[in-house]
Amino acid sequence: MMTVSAKAAEKAKAMFKEKGLPEDTGLRVFVAGGGCSGYQYGMAVAREIEDDDLIIENAGVKLVIDPDSVPLLEGAEIDYVDDLMKAGFTILNPNATSSCACGTSFQTAEGGGKAKPCAH
């Protein structure tokens, strides 16, 4: 469904440790409406898990995804980029047919799924 690169897993675990969070803390990944290309990605520490959330463990990191975001993130990979232009988590999404220059918002061919509002 969704994967995490080794570098992103290492960074997520280091972030949890730095914040004093338990090792089994999850990373909530979601899609919200908005952004210059239609949808935009969001990530946060999963402080609460809802009954209908999808939980995936990959590379030693627990991903928590709401059911509305699942179809938009199918087959995507979370990576960590550290180059001259930016440093941080990024999502490589095979469902995106176009994205903005910074890579934080995207469109799909069908517009598939219904995104959660940004207040997530």
C-alpha atoms as a PDB file:
ATOM      1  CA  MET A   1       0.000   0.000   0.000  1.00  0.00           C
ATOM      2  CA  MET A   2       2.455   2.691   1.175  1.00  0.00           C
ATOM      3  CA  THR A   3       6.163   2.377   1.920  1.00  0.00           C
ATOM      4  CA  VAL A   4       8.857   4.290   3.790  1.00  0.00           C
ATOM      5  CA  SER A   5      12.432   4.623   2.539  1.00  0.00           C
ATOM      6  CA  ALA A   6      15.238   3.659   4.919  1.00  0.00           C
ATOM      7  CA  LYS A   7      16.329   7.310   5.198  1.00  0.00           C
ATOM      8  CA  ALA A   8      12.795   8.512   5.993  1.00  0.00           C
ATOM      9  CA  ALA A   9      12.356   5.758   8.602  1.00  0.00           C
ATOM     10  CA  GLU A  10      15.637   6.742  10.253  1.00  0.00           C
ATOM     11  CA  LYS A  11      14.598  10.428  10.342  1.00  0.00           C
ATOM     12  CA  ALA A  12      11.101   9.635  11.691  1.00  0.00           C
ATOM     13  CA  LYS A  13      12.513   7.460  14.494  1.00  0.00           C
ATOM     14  CA  ALA A  14      15.071  10.154  15.359  1.00  0.00           C
ATOM     15  CA  MET A  15      12.307  12.776  15.448  1.00  0.00           C
ATOM     16  CA  PHE A  16      10.171  10.636  17.783  1.00  0.00           C
ATOM     17  CA  LYS A  17      13.152  10.062  20.071  1.00  0.00           C
ATOM     18  CA  GLU A  18      14.064  13.771  20.068  1.00  0.00           C
ATOM     19  CA  LYS A  19      10.490  14.650  21.084  1.00  0.00           C
ATOM     20  CA  GLY A  20      10.524  12.020  23.840  1.00  0.00           C
ATOM     21  CA  LEU A  21       7.782   9.952  22.176  1.00  0.00           C
ATOM     22  CA  PRO A  22       7.477   6.162  22.518  1.00  0.00           C
ATOM     23  CA  GLU A  23       9.148   4.013  19.846  1.00  0.00           C
ATOM     24  CA  ASP A  24       5.761   2.767  18.602  1.00  0.00           C
ATOM     25  CA  THR A  25       4.499   6.286  17.861  1.00  0.00           C
ATOM     26  CA  GLY A  26       2.828   6.524  14.470  1.00  0.00           C
ATOM     27  CA  LEU A  27       3.252   8.989  11.653  1.00  0.00           C
ATOM     28  CA  ARG A  28      -0.116  10.215  10.370  1.00  0.00           C
ATOM     29  CA  VAL A  29      -0.069  10.742   6.613  1.00  0.00           C
ATOM     30  CA  PHE A  30      -3.046  12.419   5.010  1.00  0.00           C
ATOM     31  CA  VAL A  31      -4.287  14.256   1.954  1.00  0.00           C
ATOM     32  CA  ALA A  32      -6.212  17.504   2.264  1.00  0.00           C
ATOM     33  CA  GLY A  33      -8.045  19.571  -0.313  1.00  0.00           C
ATOM     34  CA  GLY A  34      -6.236  22.710  -1.394  1.00  0.00           C
ATOM     35  CA  GLY A  35      -2.785  23.601  -2.577  1.00  0.00           C
ATOM     36  CA  CYS A  36      -2.011  24.979  -6.003  1.00  0.00           C
ATOM     37  CA  SER A  37      -2.603  21.614  -7.704  1.00  0.00           C
ATOM     38  CA  GLY A  38      -5.802  20.405  -5.988  1.00  0.00           C
ATOM     39  CA  TYR A  39      -4.688  18.144  -3.113  1.00  0.00           C
ATOM     40  CA  GLN A  40      -1.881  18.599  -0.668  1.00  0.00           C
ATOM     41  CA  TYR A  41       0.002  16.186   1.555  1.00  0.00           C
ATOM     42  CA  GLY A  42       0.146  16.408   5.297  1.00  0.00           C
ATOM     43  CA  MET A  43       2.128  14.558   7.960  1.00  0.00           C
ATOM     44  CA  ALA A  44       1.934  14.750  11.720  1.00  0.00           C
ATOM     45  CA  VAL A  45       2.606  12.680  14.787  1.00  0.00           C
ATOM     46  CA  ALA A  46      -0.360  10.320  15.201  1.00  0.00           C
ATOM     47  CA  ARG A  47      -1.416  11.237  18.728  1.00  0.00           C
ATOM     48  CA  GLU A  48      -4.777   9.477  18.321  1.00  0.00           C
ATOM     49  CA  ILE A  49      -5.817   6.561  16.146  1.00  0.00           C
ATOM     50  CA  GLU A  50      -9.393   6.339  14.900  1.00  0.00           C
ATOM     51  CA  ASP A  51     -11.195   2.997  14.514  1.00  0.00           C
ATOM     52  CA  ASP A  52     -11.339   3.329  10.716  1.00  0.00           C
ATOM     53  CA  ASP A  53      -7.699   4.411  10.227  1.00  0.00           C
ATOM     54  CA  LEU A  54      -5.471   2.136   8.166  1.00  0.00           C
ATOM     55  CA  ILE A  55      -2.276   1.241  10.038  1.00  0.00           C
ATOM     56  CA  ILE A  56       0.748   0.062   8.072  1.00  0.00           C
ATOM     57  CA  GLU A  57       4.113  -0.876   9.580  1.00  0.00           C
ATOM     58  CA  ASN A  58       6.970  -0.418   7.144  1.00  0.00           C
ATOM     59  CA  ALA A  59      10.713  -0.066   7.751  1.00  0.00           C
ATOM     60  CA  GLY A  60      10.035  -0.030  11.493  1.00  0.00           C
ATOM     61  CA  VAL A  61       7.679   2.971  11.272  1.00  0.00           C
ATOM     62  CA  LYS A  62       3.931   2.872  11.892  1.00  0.00           C
ATOM     63  CA  LEU A  63       1.950   4.841   9.277  1.00  0.00           C
ATOM     64  CA  VAL A  64      -1.590   5.918  10.167  1.00  0.00           C
ATOM     65  CA  ILE A  65      -3.817   6.861   7.223  1.00  0.00           C
ATOM     66  CA  ASP A  66      -7.461   7.980   7.310  1.00  0.00           C
ATOM     67  CA  PRO A  67      -9.834   6.067   4.981  1.00  0.00           C
ATOM     68  CA  ASP A  68     -10.470   9.078   2.722  1.00  0.00           C
ATOM     69  CA  SER A  69      -6.742   9.491   2.014  1.00  0.00           C
ATOM     70  CA  VAL A  70      -6.032   5.793   1.368  1.00  0.00           C
ATOM     71  CA  PRO A  71      -7.003   5.730  -2.358  1.00  0.00           C
ATOM     72  CA  LEU A  72      -4.971   8.872  -3.047  1.00  0.00           C
ATOM     73  CA  LEU A  73      -1.862   7.410  -1.400  1.00  0.00           C
ATOM     74  CA  GLU A  74      -2.035   3.865  -2.807  1.00  0.00           C
ATOM     75  CA  GLY A  75       1.491   2.785  -3.798  1.00  0.00           C
ATOM     76  CA  ALA A  76       3.142   6.002  -2.570  1.00  0.00           C
ATOM     77  CA  GLU A  77       6.522   6.136  -0.827  1.00  0.00           C
ATOM     78  CA  ILE A  78       7.634   8.483   1.932  1.00  0.00           C
ATOM     79  CA  ASP A  79      11.229   9.569   1.482  1.00  0.00           C
ATOM     80  CA  TYR A  80      13.495  12.091   3.169  1.00  0.00           C
ATOM     81  CA  VAL A  81      15.260  14.642   0.977  1.00  0.00           C
ATOM     82  CA  ASP A  82      18.222  16.696   2.110  1.00  0.00           C
ATOM     83  CA  ASP A  83      19.643  18.798  -0.705  1.00  0.00           C
ATOM     84  CA  LEU A  84      20.389  22.429  -1.544  1.00  0.00           C
ATOM     85  CA  MET A  85      16.739  23.276  -2.241  1.00  0.00           C
ATOM     86  CA  LYS A  86      15.040  21.694   0.767  1.00  0.00           C
ATOM     87  CA  ALA A  87      15.295  19.208   3.579  1.00  0.00           C
ATOM     88  CA  GLY A  88      12.382  17.184   4.874  1.00  0.00           C
ATOM     89  CA  PHE A  89       9.930  14.395   4.236  1.00  0.00           C
ATOM     90  CA  THR A  90       8.506  14.075   0.756  1.00  0.00           C
ATOM     91  CA  ILE A  91       5.936  11.759  -0.811  1.00  0.00           C
ATOM     92  CA  LEU A  92       6.541  10.045  -4.138  1.00  0.00           C
ATOM     93  CA  ASN A  93       3.048   9.307  -5.399  1.00  0.00           C
ATOM     94  CA  PRO A  94       2.337   7.220  -8.527  1.00  0.00           C
ATOM     95  CA  ASN A  95      -1.277   8.498  -8.485  1.00  0.00           C
ATOM     96  CA  ALA A  96      -0.223  12.098  -9.093  1.00  0.00           C
ATOM     97  CA  THR A  97      -0.602  13.161 -12.712  1.00  0.00           C
ATOM     98  CA  SER A  98       0.750  16.642 -11.990  1.00  0.00           C
ATOM     99  CA  SER A  99       2.184  18.440  -8.999  1.00  0.00           C
ATOM    100  CA  CYS A 100       3.332  21.876  -8.009  1.00  0.00           C
ATOM    101  CA  ALA A 101       6.976  22.867  -8.244  1.00  0.00           C
ATOM    102  CA  CYS A 102       7.607  22.323  -4.527  1.00  0.00           C
ATOM    103  CA  GLY A 103       5.970  18.865  -4.602  1.00  0.00           C
ATOM    104  CA  THR A 104       3.531  19.448  -1.753  1.00  0.00           C
ATOM    105  CA  SER A 105       0.341  19.464  -3.803  1.00  0.00           C
ATOM    106  CA  PHE A 106      -0.886  17.268  -6.651  1.00  0.00           C
ATOM    107  CA  GLN A 107      -3.729  16.189  -8.949  1.00  0.00           C
ATOM    108  CA  THR A 108      -4.846  12.696  -9.936  1.00  0.00           C
ATOM    109  CA  ALA A 109      -6.256  11.518 -13.262  1.00  0.00           C
ATOM    110  CA  GLU A 110      -9.714  10.805 -11.844  1.00  0.00           C
ATOM    111  CA  GLY A 111      -9.533  13.274  -9.017  1.00  0.00           C
ATOM    112  CA  GLY A 112     -10.027  10.001  -7.032  1.00  0.00           C
ATOM    113  CA  GLY A 113     -11.222   9.927  -3.471  1.00  0.00           C
ATOM    114  CA  LYS A 114     -12.385  12.629  -1.149  1.00  0.00           C
ATOM    115  CA  ALA A 115      -9.721  14.484   0.784  1.00  0.00           C
ATOM    116  CA  LYS A 116      -9.990  15.381   4.462  1.00  0.00           C
ATOM    117  CA  PRO A 117     -10.093  19.095   5.318  1.00  0.00           C
ATOM    118  CA  CYS A 118      -6.844  20.732   6.464  1.00  0.00           C
ATOM    119  CA  ALA A 119      -8.009  20.855  10.100  1.00  0.00           C
ATOM    120  CA  HIS A 120      -6.909  17.200  10.509  1.00  0.00           C
END
